[in-house]
Protein backbone atom coordinates (compact mmCIF):
# COMPACT_ATOMS: atom_id res chain seq x y z
CA MET A 1 -35.83 19.71 -30.48
CA PHE A 2 -32.82 21.44 -28.99
CA ASP A 3 -32.69 23.12 -25.59
CA GLU A 4 -32.28 26.85 -25.60
CA MET A 5 -28.63 27.83 -25.25
CA GLN A 6 -27.76 29.28 -21.83
CA ARG A 7 -26.96 32.97 -22.05
CA ARG A 8 -23.52 34.03 -20.78
CA ILE A 9 -22.32 37.61 -20.22
CA ILE A 10 -18.82 39.02 -19.65
CA SER A 11 -18.29 42.35 -17.90
CA LEU A 12 -14.94 44.07 -18.36
CA TRP A 13 -14.15 46.83 -15.86
CA PHE A 14 -11.11 49.07 -16.41
CA PRO A 15 -10.59 50.68 -12.99
CA ARG A 16 -7.56 52.67 -14.20
CA LEU A 17 -8.59 53.35 -17.76
CA ALA A 18 -7.53 57.02 -17.79
CA THR A 19 -4.07 56.55 -16.28
CA ASP A 20 -3.42 53.39 -18.28
CA ARG A 21 -4.19 55.28 -21.48
CA VAL A 22 -1.71 58.04 -20.59
CA LEU A 23 1.01 55.73 -19.27
CA ARG A 24 0.87 53.60 -22.43
CA GLN A 25 2.12 56.62 -24.36
CA CYS A 26 4.49 57.98 -21.71
CA PRO A 27 5.54 55.32 -19.16
CA MET A 28 6.81 56.50 -15.78
CA ASP A 29 7.63 54.93 -12.43
CA GLY A 30 6.16 55.82 -9.06
CA PRO A 31 2.78 57.21 -8.05
CA PHE A 32 0.89 58.97 -10.84
CA VAL A 33 -2.54 60.60 -10.87
CA LEU A 34 -4.75 62.50 -13.27
CA THR A 35 -6.58 65.49 -11.84
CA LEU A 36 -9.80 67.23 -12.78
CA LYS A 37 -11.23 70.46 -11.40
CA GLN A 38 -14.32 69.65 -9.33
CA ARG A 39 -16.05 71.77 -6.72
CA ASN A 40 -13.53 74.61 -7.19
CA ALA A 41 -10.56 72.36 -6.46
CA ASN A 42 -8.27 70.03 -8.38
CA ARG A 43 -9.19 66.51 -7.34
CA ILE A 44 -7.89 63.07 -8.24
CA TYR A 45 -9.74 61.67 -11.23
CA CYS A 46 -7.75 58.45 -11.66
CA MET A 47 -4.53 56.93 -10.28
CA ASN A 48 -2.16 54.08 -11.04
CA VAL A 49 -1.42 51.12 -8.76
CA ALA A 50 1.50 52.89 -7.06
CA GLY A 51 -0.74 55.82 -6.22
CA ALA A 52 -3.40 53.56 -4.70
CA GLU A 53 -0.74 51.88 -2.57
CA GLN A 54 0.12 55.29 -1.12
CA GLY A 55 -3.44 55.64 0.21
CA LEU A 56 -4.71 57.98 -2.51
CA HIS A 57 -8.31 57.67 -3.68
CA LYS A 58 -10.58 59.12 -6.34
CA GLY A 59 -12.06 62.50 -5.41
CA MET A 60 -9.23 63.35 -3.02
CA ALA A 61 -7.97 66.93 -3.19
CA TYR A 62 -4.72 67.14 -5.10
CA ALA A 63 -3.14 69.35 -2.43
CA ASP A 64 -3.85 66.68 0.19
CA ALA A 65 -2.47 64.00 -2.11
CA ARG A 66 0.80 65.92 -2.47
CA ALA A 67 1.03 66.13 1.31
CA PHE A 68 0.64 62.34 1.58
CA CYS A 69 3.00 61.63 -1.32
CA PRO A 70 5.64 64.34 -2.03
CA THR A 71 6.99 62.39 -5.06
CA LEU A 72 3.57 62.29 -6.73
CA GLN A 73 3.52 62.93 -10.48
CA SER A 74 0.37 64.21 -12.12
CA GLY A 75 -1.35 65.19 -15.34
CA ILE A 76 -4.61 66.75 -16.47
CA ALA A 77 -7.47 64.33 -17.11
CA ASP A 78 -9.15 64.29 -20.53
CA PRO A 79 -12.50 62.44 -20.23
CA GLN A 80 -13.27 62.89 -23.94
CA SER A 81 -10.05 61.12 -24.93
CA ASP A 82 -10.82 58.38 -22.41
CA LEU A 83 -14.23 57.86 -23.98
CA ARG A 84 -12.71 57.65 -27.47
CA PHE A 85 -10.22 55.09 -26.15
CA LEU A 86 -13.07 53.07 -24.64
CA HIS A 87 -14.80 53.05 -28.03
CA ILE A 88 -11.57 51.68 -29.55
CA LEU A 89 -11.58 48.91 -26.93
CA ARG A 90 -15.23 48.17 -27.72
CA ARG A 91 -14.38 47.70 -31.36
CA TRP A 92 -11.45 45.46 -30.40
CA ALA A 93 -13.72 43.33 -28.20
CA THR A 94 -15.90 42.42 -31.18
CA ARG A 95 -13.25 39.83 -32.01
CA TYR A 96 -14.82 37.69 -29.27
CA CYS A 97 -18.50 38.27 -30.03
CA PRO A 98 -20.64 40.62 -32.14
CA TRP A 99 -22.69 41.95 -29.21
CA VAL A 100 -20.50 44.43 -27.32
CA GLY A 101 -21.82 47.48 -25.49
CA LEU A 102 -20.50 50.16 -23.17
CA GLU A 103 -20.86 49.80 -19.40
CA GLY A 104 -20.65 53.33 -18.04
CA ASP A 105 -17.52 55.31 -18.88
CA ASP A 106 -14.98 52.66 -17.82
CA GLY A 107 -16.34 49.26 -18.81
CA LEU A 108 -17.60 46.93 -21.54
CA VAL A 109 -20.24 44.22 -21.58
CA LEU A 110 -20.08 41.25 -23.97
CA ASP A 111 -22.78 38.70 -24.77
CA ILE A 112 -20.65 35.60 -25.52
CA THR A 113 -23.58 33.22 -25.85
CA GLY A 114 -22.60 30.64 -28.46
CA SER A 115 -19.14 32.07 -29.17
CA ALA A 116 -16.99 30.82 -26.26
CA HIS A 117 -16.36 27.44 -27.95
CA LEU A 118 -14.56 29.26 -30.78
CA PHE A 119 -11.77 30.05 -28.30
CA GLY A 120 -11.74 26.69 -26.52
CA GLY A 121 -14.31 27.53 -23.84
CA GLU A 122 -14.93 30.32 -21.35
CA THR A 123 -11.73 29.78 -19.39
CA ALA A 124 -9.56 29.91 -22.49
CA MET A 125 -11.43 33.00 -23.75
CA LEU A 126 -10.94 34.83 -20.45
CA ALA A 127 -7.25 33.91 -20.44
CA ASP A 128 -6.90 35.30 -23.96
CA ILE A 129 -8.67 38.55 -22.97
CA ARG A 130 -6.49 38.99 -19.88
CA GLY A 131 -3.30 38.27 -21.77
CA ARG A 132 -3.99 40.69 -24.60
CA LEU A 133 -5.06 43.50 -22.27
CA ALA A 134 -2.04 42.92 -20.04
CA ARG A 135 0.30 43.15 -23.02
CA ALA A 136 -1.43 46.41 -23.93
CA GLY A 137 -0.72 47.80 -20.46
CA LEU A 138 -4.36 47.86 -19.30
CA SER A 139 -5.66 46.82 -15.90
CA VAL A 140 -8.94 44.92 -16.07
CA GLN A 141 -11.31 43.08 -13.75
CA ILE A 142 -13.58 40.47 -15.33
CA GLY A 143 -16.87 39.01 -14.24
CA VAL A 144 -18.86 36.26 -15.98
CA GLY A 145 -22.46 35.30 -15.30
CA ASP A 146 -25.80 34.38 -16.79
CA THR A 147 -27.02 37.98 -16.48
CA ARG A 148 -25.61 41.40 -17.09
CA GLY A 149 -26.16 42.40 -13.45
CA ALA A 150 -24.35 39.31 -12.12
CA ALA A 151 -21.38 39.83 -14.45
CA TRP A 152 -21.14 43.50 -13.40
CA ALA A 153 -21.29 42.59 -9.70
CA LEU A 154 -18.55 39.97 -10.03
CA ALA A 155 -16.30 42.33 -12.04
CA HIS A 156 -16.57 45.12 -9.46
CA TYR A 157 -16.86 43.25 -6.16
CA GLY A 158 -15.82 39.64 -6.61
CA GLU A 159 -13.85 39.00 -9.77
CA GLY A 160 -14.59 35.52 -11.14
CA GLN A 161 -16.98 33.23 -13.00
CA ALA A 162 -20.45 32.39 -11.75
CA PRO A 163 -21.49 28.77 -12.42
CA VAL A 164 -24.22 28.33 -14.99
CA GLY A 165 -27.70 28.59 -13.47
CA ASP A 166 -26.60 29.54 -9.93
CA MET A 167 -26.45 33.32 -9.77
CA LEU A 168 -27.64 33.53 -6.16
CA GLY A 169 -24.88 31.23 -4.98
CA ALA A 170 -22.26 33.41 -6.69
CA LEU A 171 -23.69 36.73 -5.49
CA ALA A 172 -25.02 35.92 -2.00
CA LEU A 173 -21.93 37.12 -0.12
CA LEU A 174 -21.40 40.29 -2.17
CA PRO A 175 -22.44 43.68 -0.74
CA VAL A 176 -25.76 45.21 -1.81
CA ALA A 177 -23.84 47.91 -3.70
CA ALA A 178 -23.00 45.20 -6.24
CA LEU A 179 -26.59 45.50 -7.48
CA ARG A 180 -25.71 48.85 -9.12
CA LEU A 181 -27.64 50.83 -6.50
CA ASN A 182 -26.90 54.47 -5.73
CA GLU A 183 -24.84 55.27 -2.65
CA GLU A 184 -27.76 56.59 -0.59
CA THR A 185 -29.84 53.44 -1.09
CA SER A 186 -26.86 51.18 -0.34
CA VAL A 187 -26.10 52.98 2.93
CA THR A 188 -29.77 52.84 4.00
CA LEU A 189 -29.95 49.09 3.34
CA GLN A 190 -26.79 48.51 5.35
CA ARG A 191 -28.19 50.48 8.28
CA MET A 192 -31.23 48.18 8.17
CA GLY A 193 -28.90 45.19 8.52
CA LEU A 194 -29.17 44.13 4.89
CA ARG A 195 -25.49 44.17 4.05
CA THR A 196 -25.29 41.39 1.47
CA ILE A 197 -27.32 40.30 -1.52
CA GLY A 198 -28.16 37.03 0.23
CA ALA A 199 -29.66 38.92 3.18
CA LEU A 200 -31.64 41.10 0.78
CA VAL A 201 -33.08 38.03 -0.96
CA ALA A 202 -34.14 36.53 2.37
CA ASP A 203 -35.93 39.71 3.48
CA PRO A 204 -39.67 40.12 2.63
CA ARG A 205 -40.17 41.94 -0.67
CA ALA A 206 -43.30 43.92 0.18
CA PRO A 207 -41.68 46.17 2.86
CA LEU A 208 -38.70 46.79 0.55
CA ALA A 209 -40.99 47.83 -2.29
CA ARG A 210 -42.93 50.20 -0.04
CA ARG A 211 -39.79 51.89 1.28
CA PHE A 212 -37.50 51.94 -1.76
CA GLY A 213 -39.91 51.58 -4.65
CA ALA A 214 -39.44 49.14 -7.50
CA GLY A 215 -35.81 50.10 -8.27
CA VAL A 216 -34.10 47.88 -5.68
CA LEU A 217 -36.16 44.79 -6.49
CA LEU A 218 -35.73 45.37 -10.23
CA ARG A 219 -31.94 45.41 -9.90
CA LEU A 220 -32.10 42.28 -7.73
CA ASP A 221 -34.29 40.43 -10.22
CA GLN A 222 -32.07 41.51 -13.13
CA ALA A 223 -28.97 40.16 -11.39
CA LEU A 224 -30.64 36.83 -10.55
CA GLY A 225 -32.24 36.44 -13.97
CA ALA A 226 -35.89 36.92 -13.00
CA GLN A 227 -36.08 40.08 -15.13
CA PRO A 228 -34.45 40.40 -18.58
CA GLU A 229 -31.80 43.03 -19.31
CA GLU A 230 -30.66 43.53 -22.85
CA ILE A 231 -27.28 44.53 -24.22
CA THR A 232 -27.43 47.21 -26.90
CA PRO A 233 -24.33 47.09 -29.12
CA LEU A 234 -23.17 50.36 -30.58
CA THR A 235 -23.63 50.65 -34.30
CA GLU A 236 -20.61 51.31 -36.45
CA PRO A 237 -20.54 54.79 -37.97
CA SER A 238 -21.73 54.96 -41.54
CA ARG A 239 -19.01 54.93 -44.16
CA TYR A 240 -19.59 56.70 -47.42
CA ALA A 241 -17.21 55.17 -49.93
CA VAL A 242 -17.48 53.67 -53.40
CA ARG A 243 -14.92 51.88 -55.54
CA MET A 244 -14.52 50.94 -59.19
CA THR A 245 -12.00 48.48 -60.62
CA LEU A 246 -11.27 48.95 -64.31
CA PRO A 247 -10.78 46.08 -66.79
CA GLU A 248 -8.13 48.10 -68.64
CA PRO A 249 -5.82 50.83 -67.26
CA ILE A 250 -6.63 54.44 -68.07
CA GLY A 251 -4.47 57.53 -68.06
CA LEU A 252 -6.25 60.37 -69.86
CA LEU A 253 -7.82 63.11 -67.75
CA THR A 254 -11.14 62.73 -69.60
CA ASP A 255 -11.27 59.02 -68.72
CA VAL A 256 -10.41 59.69 -65.05
CA MET A 257 -13.07 62.41 -64.86
CA ALA A 258 -15.62 60.03 -66.40
CA GLY A 259 -14.80 57.45 -63.73
CA ALA A 260 -14.98 60.10 -61.02
CA GLU A 261 -18.43 61.13 -62.29
CA ARG A 262 -19.74 57.58 -62.00
CA LEU A 263 -18.41 57.28 -58.46
CA LEU A 264 -19.83 60.66 -57.46
CA VAL A 265 -23.30 59.68 -58.65
CA GLN A 266 -23.21 56.53 -56.50
CA LEU A 267 -21.75 58.32 -53.46
CA CYS A 268 -24.18 61.22 -53.61
CA ALA A 269 -27.07 58.78 -53.85
CA LYS A 270 -25.95 57.29 -50.51
CA LEU A 271 -25.58 60.72 -48.99
CA ASN A 272 -28.97 61.80 -50.27
CA ALA A 273 -30.67 58.72 -48.80
CA GLN A 274 -29.48 59.72 -45.31
CA GLU A 275 -29.75 63.48 -45.81
CA MET A 276 -26.02 64.02 -45.36
CA GLY A 277 -23.58 66.24 -47.22
CA ALA A 278 -19.85 65.80 -47.84
CA ARG A 279 -17.39 68.36 -46.48
CA ARG A 280 -14.17 66.54 -47.37
CA LEU A 281 -13.74 64.04 -50.20
CA CYS A 282 -10.74 61.85 -50.95
CA MET A 283 -10.15 60.21 -54.34
CA THR A 284 -7.61 57.37 -54.28
CA LEU A 285 -6.20 56.19 -57.61
CA ARG A 286 -4.33 52.89 -57.83
CA ARG A 287 -1.82 52.46 -60.61
CA VAL A 288 -0.90 49.18 -62.28
CA ASP A 289 2.48 49.27 -60.49
CA GLN A 290 0.55 49.18 -57.17
CA GLY A 291 1.40 52.79 -56.43
CA TYR A 292 -1.29 55.06 -55.01
CA GLN A 293 -2.07 58.72 -55.50
CA GLN A 294 -4.69 60.71 -53.61
CA VAL A 295 -6.61 63.86 -54.47
CA GLU A 296 -8.34 65.58 -51.56
CA LEU A 297 -11.17 68.06 -52.01
CA ARG A 298 -12.35 70.22 -49.11
CA LEU A 299 -15.69 71.89 -49.71
CA ALA A 300 -16.78 75.26 -48.40
CA ARG A 301 -20.27 73.88 -47.71
CA PRO A 302 -21.66 70.35 -47.36
CA LEU A 303 -22.71 69.10 -50.80
CA ARG A 304 -24.25 66.01 -52.34
CA ASP A 305 -24.79 67.25 -55.89
CA PRO A 306 -22.44 65.30 -58.22
CA HIS A 307 -22.72 67.90 -61.00
CA ARG A 308 -21.44 70.65 -58.66
CA ILE A 309 -18.69 68.54 -57.11
CA LEU A 310 -17.23 67.05 -60.30
CA PRO A 311 -15.76 70.29 -61.77
CA LEU A 312 -14.09 70.99 -58.44
CA PHE A 313 -12.08 67.77 -58.81
CA GLU A 314 -10.71 68.67 -62.23
CA ARG A 315 -7.68 70.66 -61.06
CA GLY A 316 -6.52 68.01 -58.60
CA LEU A 317 -7.03 65.10 -60.99
CA GLY A 318 -5.20 66.99 -63.71
CA GLU A 319 -2.01 67.02 -61.59
CA ILE A 320 -1.79 63.27 -60.92
CA ASP A 321 0.88 61.06 -62.47
CA ALA A 322 -0.91 58.12 -64.06
CA GLY A 323 2.34 56.24 -64.71
CA PHE A 324 1.61 53.13 -66.78
CA GLY A 325 -2.11 53.49 -66.13
CA ILE A 326 -4.74 53.56 -63.39
CA ASP A 327 -6.76 50.40 -62.77
CA GLN A 328 -8.82 51.33 -59.69
CA LEU A 329 -10.64 54.41 -58.40
CA ARG A 330 -11.93 54.82 -54.86
CA LEU A 331 -13.94 57.80 -53.59
CA GLU A 332 -14.69 58.38 -49.91
CA ALA A 333 -16.51 61.13 -48.05
CA VAL A 334 -14.08 61.53 -45.16
CA GLU A 335 -16.10 64.22 -43.38
CA VAL A 336 -19.86 64.55 -43.62
CA GLU A 337 -22.45 66.85 -42.07
CA ASP A 338 -26.20 66.91 -41.82
CA LEU A 339 -27.81 68.36 -44.94
CA PRO A 340 -31.60 68.19 -44.55
CA VAL A 341 -33.89 68.57 -47.51
CA GLN A 342 -35.05 72.16 -48.12
CA GLN A 343 -38.19 73.42 -49.76
CA LEU A 344 -37.34 75.28 -52.97
CA SER A 345 -38.67 78.82 -53.28
CA HIS A 346 -37.74 82.17 -54.74
CA ALA A 347 -35.33 82.63 -51.78
CA VAL A 348 -33.92 79.09 -51.73
CA GLY A 349 -33.64 77.85 -55.28
CA TRP A 350 -31.45 76.15 -57.83
CA GLY A 351 -29.24 79.16 -58.43
CA GLN A 352 -27.62 79.30 -55.03
CA GLY A 353 -24.17 77.94 -54.26
CA GLN A 354 -21.96 79.84 -56.71
CA LEU A 355 -20.16 81.66 -53.90
CA GLU A 356 -19.43 78.40 -52.05
CA ASP A 357 -18.12 76.83 -55.26
CA LEU A 358 -15.85 79.83 -55.81
CA ILE A 359 -14.54 79.58 -52.24
CA THR A 360 -13.87 75.88 -52.80
CA ARG A 361 -11.97 76.56 -56.06
CA LEU A 362 -9.84 79.23 -54.43
CA GLY A 363 -9.38 77.07 -51.35
CA THR A 364 -7.80 74.28 -53.38
CA ARG A 365 -5.07 76.76 -54.31
CA VAL A 366 -4.50 78.83 -51.16
CA GLY A 367 -6.27 76.79 -48.46
CA LEU A 368 -9.81 77.23 -47.16
CA GLU A 369 -8.56 78.74 -43.90
CA ASN A 370 -6.97 81.62 -45.82
CA ILE A 371 -10.27 82.77 -47.34
CA GLN A 372 -11.84 84.86 -44.59
CA ARG A 373 -14.82 87.10 -43.98
CA PHE A 374 -15.78 89.71 -41.41
CA LEU A 375 -18.49 88.92 -38.88
CA PRO A 376 -20.13 91.38 -36.46
CA ALA A 377 -19.20 91.24 -32.79
CA ASP A 378 -21.21 92.46 -29.80
CA SER A 379 -19.20 95.59 -29.02
CA HIS A 380 -19.56 99.29 -29.83
CA ILE A 381 -15.77 99.79 -29.72
CA PRO A 382 -14.70 100.07 -33.40
CA GLU A 383 -11.71 97.75 -33.03
CA ARG A 384 -13.83 95.12 -31.27
CA SER A 385 -17.00 95.36 -33.37
CA PHE A 386 -15.96 92.58 -35.77
CA ILE A 387 -14.16 89.27 -35.89
CA ILE A 388 -12.40 87.53 -38.78
CA ALA A 389 -13.33 83.91 -39.49
CA ALA A 390 -12.75 81.40 -42.27
CA ALA A 391 -15.53 81.84 -44.83
CA ALA A 392 -15.88 78.09 -45.36
CA TYR A 393 -16.84 77.44 -41.75
CA CYS A 394 -19.31 80.24 -41.06
CA GLU A 395 -22.34 81.86 -42.62
CA ALA A 396 -22.48 85.44 -43.83
CA SER A 397 -24.15 87.51 -41.12
CA ARG A 398 -26.94 90.03 -41.60
CA GLY A 399 -26.36 91.55 -38.17
CA TRP A 400 -24.36 94.56 -39.34
CA SER A 401 -25.78 97.85 -38.10
CA SER A 402 -26.58 100.39 -40.81
CA GLN A 403 -27.56 103.13 -38.34
CA HIS A 404 -23.92 103.96 -37.61
CA PRO A 405 -21.84 102.77 -40.58
CA ARG A 406 -18.19 101.99 -40.05
CA PRO A 407 -15.32 102.56 -42.50
CA LEU A 408 -13.98 99.56 -44.40
CA CYS A 409 -10.43 100.63 -43.58
CA LEU A 410 -9.60 100.95 -39.87
CA PHE A 411 -6.15 101.78 -38.52
CA PRO A 412 -4.65 102.99 -35.23
CA PRO A 413 -5.60 106.62 -34.41
CA GLU A 414 -3.37 109.18 -36.16
CA PRO A 415 -3.30 112.68 -34.59
CA ILE A 416 -3.94 115.80 -36.64
CA ALA A 417 -3.41 119.45 -35.71
CA ALA A 418 -6.84 120.90 -34.84
CA THR A 419 -8.61 122.58 -31.92
CA GLY A 420 -12.18 122.90 -30.70
CA PRO A 421 -15.02 120.35 -30.55
CA GLN A 422 -16.12 120.99 -34.17
CA PRO A 423 -14.40 119.23 -37.08
CA PRO A 424 -11.57 121.35 -38.54
CA ARG A 425 -12.18 123.13 -41.82
CA ARG A 426 -8.62 122.57 -43.05
CA PHE A 427 -6.08 120.04 -41.73
CA ARG A 428 -3.05 118.02 -42.78
CA TRP A 429 -3.07 114.22 -42.75
CA ARG A 430 -0.35 111.96 -44.10
CA ARG A 431 1.41 114.91 -45.76
CA MET A 432 -1.79 115.91 -47.55
CA SER A 433 -3.60 119.24 -47.13
CA LEU A 434 -7.32 118.50 -46.95
CA THR A 435 -10.40 120.74 -46.87
CA ALA A 436 -13.61 119.49 -45.29
CA SER A 437 -16.75 119.96 -47.37
CA ARG A 438 -19.22 118.07 -45.20
CA ALA A 439 -19.19 116.66 -41.66
CA THR A 440 -21.79 114.28 -40.12
CA GLY A 441 -21.91 113.62 -36.39
CA PRO A 442 -21.08 113.46 -33.64
CA GLU A 443 -21.47 109.81 -32.54
CA ARG A 444 -20.32 109.52 -28.94
CA ILE A 445 -18.71 106.21 -27.91
CA ALA A 446 -17.86 105.50 -24.30
CA PRO A 447 -15.09 103.06 -23.31
CA GLU A 448 -15.95 99.57 -22.04
CA TRP A 449 -14.72 99.88 -18.47
CA TRP A 450 -14.68 96.10 -17.92
CA LEU A 451 -11.95 95.60 -20.53
CA ALA A 452 -8.33 96.48 -19.93
CA ASP A 453 -7.72 98.34 -23.20
CA GLU A 454 -5.02 100.97 -22.85
CA ASN A 455 -6.04 102.68 -26.09
CA TRP A 456 -9.42 103.58 -24.59
CA ARG A 457 -8.24 104.72 -21.18
CA SER A 458 -8.46 108.37 -22.29
CA GLY A 459 -12.27 108.34 -22.01
CA LEU A 460 -15.08 109.38 -24.36
CA ARG A 461 -14.72 109.87 -28.08
CA ASP A 462 -16.93 111.90 -30.46
CA TYR A 463 -16.76 110.42 -33.97
CA TRP A 464 -17.43 112.40 -37.18
CA ARG A 465 -17.68 111.38 -40.83
CA VAL A 466 -15.84 114.02 -42.81
CA GLU A 467 -15.96 114.33 -46.61
CA THR A 468 -13.18 116.42 -48.17
CA LEU A 469 -12.99 118.34 -51.41
CA GLN A 470 -10.04 116.16 -52.41
CA GLY A 471 -12.30 113.04 -52.40
CA ARG A 472 -11.20 111.53 -49.10
CA ARG A 473 -13.97 110.33 -46.77
CA LEU A 474 -12.42 110.05 -43.32
CA TRP A 475 -13.55 108.97 -39.87
CA LEU A 476 -12.32 111.45 -37.25
CA PHE A 477 -12.87 111.55 -33.52
CA TYR A 478 -12.45 114.20 -30.83
CA THR A 479 -11.52 113.50 -27.19
CA PRO A 480 -13.29 116.06 -24.93
CA GLN A 481 -11.48 115.12 -21.69
CA ASN A 482 -8.07 115.57 -23.31
CA PRO A 483 -8.76 117.88 -26.31
CA GLY A 484 -7.38 116.48 -29.52
CA TRP A 485 -8.36 115.25 -32.98
CA PHE A 486 -7.48 111.92 -34.57
CA VAL A 487 -8.13 110.05 -37.84
CA GLN A 488 -8.96 106.35 -37.37
CA GLY A 489 -10.51 105.16 -40.62
CA GLU A 490 -11.36 105.85 -44.22
CA PHE A 491 -14.59 105.07 -46.02
CA ALA A 492 -14.51 103.57 -49.50
């Protein structure tokens, strides 16, 4: 029988994660802070060591910081980029152990049970972690203990290693805030005279439970090891890629397409199992001379049907240079989206998708962003009643109003010679003499007073649809406050 191995936890706290990330890319001397708008003011979000030495602190108004430190340099904080950087550090930390999780938005927690001996012991492992992070330009504080709570407390309030089996001895002199309590609870405990963890342990538990509930005692027991606290490692994102190595090189398009079909069937099976669809696919072809060629396919809609995707690859694969032959094919879904299973019906059936395939085919030639569609906008002003968006990244809208149809061709208002509030019987437009045969209207449109649009400062407009004997179907409007007639559009 073997004794159970003693659990050991490392907590890594990066107190200057945001500024370290920025200064790694753009080093600078002197005080430096990152600011974030909070409570209607720009406040310090993070600072470097030089800034802390000047008396600056997190949450301080930036205007006050400039008064304290006239030479202060600053930038805008980007919490999303900081979080992505922390995820990169988490992946790097898996070199020391497989169980690595996030600790808030500026720390990591590692369960090194059974892995420290691979680096020569805990001390050698910690030295390696410090050295690598220092060379990367990152400030770190490290705590080691038998529990997650003890490691966190030592990293934030008493950097060091707790001896195995003696968490109370390592934490007794630390403040109660080291138990990961909120500020209000910590201040209340200090006012009661319970300033350290040792004093909290010595105090009767029943009165504490009645006053503060179970939260304080739970954190205390977790730090001392009386209550378990697990570490949940983040799972790696799913990768959708398949590869095929060929016994003999190939070079004909038909052979390459046959290989691509086999890879697509395997890849789409993976996508189908997780109800995902590919938006961007990348086919990598390795030649016998170790050269690589890539064919990228961007889809107008997420797909996982190999029979629909394969023809879309034909143009790109037909342009590759096989050289002396291709001996390996690799297909990866670089971008994927959720594609839940749908019930087939007369509305949603097998025949749909031709438009998306057409957009994809055209997009491989001119770019998906250049294939656009009109979408309705929430405005009754003609020029603002629509927006233009890439067809591949939006759905066709059914929100167009048919009560007041708009012309397909809109242009800036062009004046015509006419008088009176009724549409003119005869008028000249673009050097053409036109005769009205039918007029429908008026449709009165008022300006949106909350928008600063100089073209609508003149006031109301009465719009008419005018059909002419010459075949032109025009959209005219009359301005009552400043009498005049204008042509702004033409119906198809």
